């Protein structure tokens, strides 16, 4: 029963999505038609004006030069998808050391929690945190 309801719901969502896409296509076509209509009106008004052919050509050229496509919604020129993959940031020894320190820190944090925040384990955990920060371990695992 739940599977059937899920299927019906997904079909309804798909139909709604498809309808929205068709509507946006029609809306874009109407906008394009409106722009063409305005361009033809400008050209008609200039052609009916009592000015010289050179002036008409320059006015029409200037008017049509203002029409253009809008900028893209997604600017792919700023994408870093085609940049080469950088080499490893940290050496294997540093990564191994960072993993070892993280394991020690996990154990000390558990001991510190059991001791309710007081004791030697909490002091050692603070020192290991400083060591991890000093070695720059975060950079090894965030890139």
C-alpha atoms as a PDB file:
ATOM      1  CA  UNK A   1       0.000   0.000   0.000  1.00  0.00           C
ATOM      2  CA  UNK A   2       2.779   2.411   0.950  1.00  0.00           C
ATOM      3  CA  UNK A   3       4.677   1.512  -2.203  1.00  0.00           C
ATOM      4  CA  UNK A   4       1.597   2.300  -4.311  1.00  0.00           C
ATOM      5  CA  UNK A   5       1.096   5.650  -2.612  1.00  0.00           C
ATOM      6  CA  UNK A   6       4.759   6.483  -3.123  1.00  0.00           C
ATOM      7  CA  UNK A   7       4.489   5.624  -6.804  1.00  0.00           C
ATOM      8  CA  UNK A   8       1.346   7.735  -7.237  1.00  0.00           C
ATOM      9  CA  UNK A   9       2.992  10.642  -5.433  1.00  0.00           C
ATOM     10  CA  UNK A  10       6.126  10.430  -7.593  1.00  0.00           C
ATOM     11  CA  UNK A  11       4.030  10.344 -10.782  1.00  0.00           C
ATOM     12  CA  UNK A  12       2.088  13.422  -9.641  1.00  0.00           C
ATOM     13  CA  UNK A  13       5.341  15.245  -8.886  1.00  0.00           C
ATOM     14  CA  UNK A  14       6.693  14.292 -12.326  1.00  0.00           C
ATOM     15  CA  UNK A  15       3.547  15.551 -14.063  1.00  0.00           C
ATOM     16  CA  UNK A  16       3.701  18.826 -12.112  1.00  0.00           C
ATOM     17  CA  UNK A  17       7.373  19.249 -13.009  1.00  0.00           C
ATOM     18  CA  UNK A  18       6.719  18.542 -16.666  1.00  0.00           C
ATOM     19  CA  UNK A  19       3.805  20.996 -16.690  1.00  0.00           C
ATOM     20  CA  UNK A  20       5.964  23.687 -15.142  1.00  0.00           C
ATOM     21  CA  UNK A  21       8.667  23.105 -17.762  1.00  0.00           C
ATOM     22  CA  UNK A  22       6.148  23.363 -20.604  1.00  0.00           C
ATOM     23  CA  UNK A  23       4.724  26.555 -19.088  1.00  0.00           C
ATOM     24  CA  UNK A  24       8.192  28.116 -18.807  1.00  0.00           C
ATOM     25  CA  UNK A  25       8.930  27.182 -22.438  1.00  0.00           C
ATOM     26  CA  UNK A  26       5.726  28.867 -23.582  1.00  0.00           C
ATOM     27  CA  UNK A  27       6.492  31.898 -21.423  1.00  0.00           C
ATOM     28  CA  UNK A  28       9.993  32.172 -22.926  1.00  0.00           C
ATOM     29  CA  UNK A  29       8.536  31.926 -26.432  1.00  0.00           C
ATOM     30  CA  UNK A  30       6.074  34.700 -25.627  1.00  0.00           C
ATOM     31  CA  UNK A  31       8.863  36.909 -24.294  1.00  0.00           C
ATOM     32  CA  UNK A  32      10.908  36.277 -27.425  1.00  0.00           C
ATOM     33  CA  UNK A  33       7.895  37.157 -29.593  1.00  0.00           C
ATOM     34  CA  UNK A  34       7.387  40.372 -27.639  1.00  0.00           C
ATOM     35  CA  UNK A  35      11.011  41.390 -28.196  1.00  0.00           C
ATOM     36  CA  UNK A  36      10.709  40.713 -31.933  1.00  0.00           C
ATOM     37  CA  UNK A  37       7.513  42.737 -32.078  1.00  0.00           C
ATOM     38  CA  UNK A  38       9.194  45.687 -30.379  1.00  0.00           C
ATOM     39  CA  UNK A  39      12.181  45.432 -32.720  1.00  0.00           C
ATOM     40  CA  UNK A  40       9.906  45.510 -35.768  1.00  0.00           C
ATOM     41  CA  UNK A  41       8.056  48.521 -34.352  1.00  0.00           C
ATOM     42  CA  UNK A  42      11.352  50.384 -33.901  1.00  0.00           C
ATOM     43  CA  UNK A  43      12.450  49.515 -37.427  1.00  0.00           C
ATOM     44  CA  UNK A  44       9.046  50.563 -38.827  1.00  0.00           C
ATOM     45  CA  UNK A  45       9.096  53.880 -36.969  1.00  0.00           C
ATOM     46  CA  UNK A  46      12.612  54.641 -38.185  1.00  0.00           C
ATOM     47  CA  UNK A  47      11.813  53.672 -41.794  1.00  0.00           C
ATOM     48  CA  UNK A  48       8.727  55.936 -41.803  1.00  0.00           C
ATOM     49  CA  UNK A  49      10.704  58.884 -40.417  1.00  0.00           C
ATOM     50  CA  UNK A  50      11.744  61.649 -42.794  1.00  0.00           C
ATOM     51  CA  UNK A  51      15.505  61.362 -42.301  1.00  0.00           C
ATOM     52  CA  UNK A  52      18.355  60.320 -44.525  1.00  0.00           C
ATOM     53  CA  UNK A  53      19.256  56.685 -45.206  1.00  0.00           C
ATOM     54  CA  UNK A  54      22.564  56.958 -43.311  1.00  0.00           C
ATOM     55  CA  UNK A  55      20.795  58.270 -40.204  1.00  0.00           C
ATOM     56  CA  UNK A  56      18.142  55.554 -40.497  1.00  0.00           C
ATOM     57  CA  UNK A  57      20.818  52.878 -40.732  1.00  0.00           C
ATOM     58  CA  UNK A  58      22.687  54.223 -37.716  1.00  0.00           C
ATOM     59  CA  UNK A  59      19.510  54.494 -35.604  1.00  0.00           C
ATOM     60  CA  UNK A  60      18.361  50.975 -36.531  1.00  0.00           C
ATOM     61  CA  UNK A  61      21.847  49.623 -35.872  1.00  0.00           C
ATOM     62  CA  UNK A  62      21.962  51.317 -32.460  1.00  0.00           C
ATOM     63  CA  UNK A  63      18.446  50.100 -31.575  1.00  0.00           C
ATOM     64  CA  UNK A  64      19.108  46.511 -32.620  1.00  0.00           C
ATOM     65  CA  UNK A  65      22.473  46.581 -30.857  1.00  0.00           C
ATOM     66  CA  UNK A  66      20.670  46.923 -27.525  1.00  0.00           C
ATOM     67  CA  UNK A  67      18.845  43.619 -27.990  1.00  0.00           C
ATOM     68  CA  UNK A  68      20.745  40.574 -26.900  1.00  0.00           C
ATOM     69  CA  UNK A  69      20.545  37.385 -24.963  1.00  0.00           C
ATOM     70  CA  UNK A  70      20.559  37.635 -21.184  1.00  0.00           C
ATOM     71  CA  UNK A  71      23.580  36.424 -19.260  1.00  0.00           C
ATOM     72  CA  UNK A  72      23.490  32.727 -18.418  1.00  0.00           C
ATOM     73  CA  UNK A  73      21.969  31.705 -15.118  1.00  0.00           C
ATOM     74  CA  UNK A  74      24.952  29.509 -14.336  1.00  0.00           C
ATOM     75  CA  UNK A  75      28.297  31.019 -15.270  1.00  0.00           C
ATOM     76  CA  UNK A  76      30.424  28.012 -16.186  1.00  0.00           C
ATOM     77  CA  UNK A  77      33.461  30.161 -16.956  1.00  0.00           C
ATOM     78  CA  UNK A  78      34.149  30.353 -13.211  1.00  0.00           C
ATOM     79  CA  UNK A  79      33.866  26.596 -12.763  1.00  0.00           C
ATOM     80  CA  UNK A  80      36.852  24.680 -11.485  1.00  0.00           C
ATOM     81  CA  UNK A  81      35.614  21.361 -12.864  1.00  0.00           C
ATOM     82  CA  UNK A  82      38.266  21.205 -15.560  1.00  0.00           C
ATOM     83  CA  UNK A  83      41.220  22.116 -13.348  1.00  0.00           C
ATOM     84  CA  UNK A  84      43.737  19.346 -12.868  1.00  0.00           C
ATOM     85  CA  UNK A  85      43.626  17.441  -9.614  1.00  0.00           C
ATOM     86  CA  UNK A  86      46.270  18.691  -7.229  1.00  0.00           C
ATOM     87  CA  UNK A  87      48.695  16.299  -5.673  1.00  0.00           C
ATOM     88  CA  UNK A  88      48.465  15.256  -2.063  1.00  0.00           C
ATOM     89  CA  UNK A  89      48.713  18.153   0.368  1.00  0.00           C
ATOM     90  CA  UNK A  90      50.366  16.154   3.125  1.00  0.00           C
ATOM     91  CA  UNK A  91      52.960  13.432   3.185  1.00  0.00           C
ATOM     92  CA  UNK A  92      52.029   9.882   4.152  1.00  0.00           C
ATOM     93  CA  UNK A  93      53.990  10.232   7.375  1.00  0.00           C
ATOM     94  CA  UNK A  94      52.057  13.341   8.388  1.00  0.00           C
ATOM     95  CA  UNK A  95      48.715  11.723   7.526  1.00  0.00           C
ATOM     96  CA  UNK A  96      49.664   8.650   9.563  1.00  0.00           C
ATOM     97  CA  UNK A  97      50.723  10.864  12.480  1.00  0.00           C
ATOM     98  CA  UNK A  98      47.454  12.822  12.282  1.00  0.00           C
ATOM     99  CA  UNK A  99      45.376   9.621  12.237  1.00  0.00           C
ATOM    100  CA  UNK A 100      47.320   8.319  15.238  1.00  0.00           C
ATOM    101  CA  UNK A 101      46.779  11.593  17.134  1.00  0.00           C
ATOM    102  CA  UNK A 102      43.071  11.526  16.273  1.00  0.00           C
ATOM    103  CA  UNK A 103      42.767   8.009  17.695  1.00  0.00           C
ATOM    104  CA  UNK A 104      44.514   9.077  20.908  1.00  0.00           C
ATOM    105  CA  UNK A 105      42.296  12.158  21.130  1.00  0.00           C
ATOM    106  CA  UNK A 106      39.156  10.043  20.756  1.00  0.00           C
ATOM    107  CA  UNK A 107      40.213   7.796  23.622  1.00  0.00           C
ATOM    108  CA  UNK A 108      41.176  10.725  25.841  1.00  0.00           C
ATOM    109  CA  UNK A 109      37.924  12.544  25.089  1.00  0.00           C
ATOM    110  CA  UNK A 110      35.958   9.451  26.131  1.00  0.00           C
ATOM    111  CA  UNK A 111      37.971   9.233  29.365  1.00  0.00           C
ATOM    112  CA  UNK A 112      37.456  12.949  29.961  1.00  0.00           C
ATOM    113  CA  UNK A 113      33.696  12.567  29.527  1.00  0.00           C
ATOM    114  CA  UNK A 114      33.645   9.652  31.963  1.00  0.00           C
ATOM    115  CA  UNK A 115      35.560  11.821  34.446  1.00  0.00           C
ATOM    116  CA  UNK A 116      32.978  14.613  33.960  1.00  0.00           C
ATOM    117  CA  UNK A 117      35.496  17.090  32.503  1.00  0.00           C
ATOM    118  CA  UNK A 118      38.159  16.878  35.189  1.00  0.00           C
ATOM    119  CA  UNK A 119      41.303  14.843  35.372  1.00  0.00           C
ATOM    120  CA  UNK A 120      44.538  14.120  33.578  1.00  0.00           C
ATOM    121  CA  UNK A 121      42.770  12.839  30.417  1.00  0.00           C
ATOM    122  CA  UNK A 122      41.243  16.267  29.779  1.00  0.00           C
ATOM    123  CA  UNK A 123      44.633  17.985  30.068  1.00  0.00           C
ATOM    124  CA  UNK A 124      46.210  15.445  27.704  1.00  0.00           C
ATOM    125  CA  UNK A 125      43.295  15.865  25.245  1.00  0.00           C
ATOM    126  CA  UNK A 126      43.847  19.622  25.214  1.00  0.00           C
ATOM    127  CA  UNK A 127      47.546  19.092  24.506  1.00  0.00           C
ATOM    128  CA  UNK A 128      46.806  16.685  21.637  1.00  0.00           C
ATOM    129  CA  UNK A 129      44.340  19.196  20.163  1.00  0.00           C
ATOM    130  CA  UNK A 130      47.118  21.799  20.181  1.00  0.00           C
ATOM    131  CA  UNK A 131      49.472  19.291  18.516  1.00  0.00           C
ATOM    132  CA  UNK A 132      46.871  18.527  15.823  1.00  0.00           C
ATOM    133  CA  UNK A 133      46.370  22.243  15.157  1.00  0.00           C
ATOM    134  CA  UNK A 134      50.125  22.831  15.102  1.00  0.00           C
ATOM    135  CA  UNK A 135      50.726  20.072  12.561  1.00  0.00           C
ATOM    136  CA  UNK A 136      47.963  21.374  10.285  1.00  0.00           C
ATOM    137  CA  UNK A 137      46.127  18.067  10.159  1.00  0.00           C
ATOM    138  CA  UNK A 138      42.894  19.714   9.098  1.00  0.00           C
ATOM    139  CA  UNK A 139      44.399  20.638   5.725  1.00  0.00           C
ATOM    140  CA  UNK A 140      45.307  17.017   5.065  1.00  0.00           C
ATOM    141  CA  UNK A 141      41.688  15.877   5.215  1.00  0.00           C
ATOM    142  CA  UNK A 142      39.701  18.818   3.838  1.00  0.00           C
ATOM    143  CA  UNK A 143      41.072  18.864   0.293  1.00  0.00           C
END
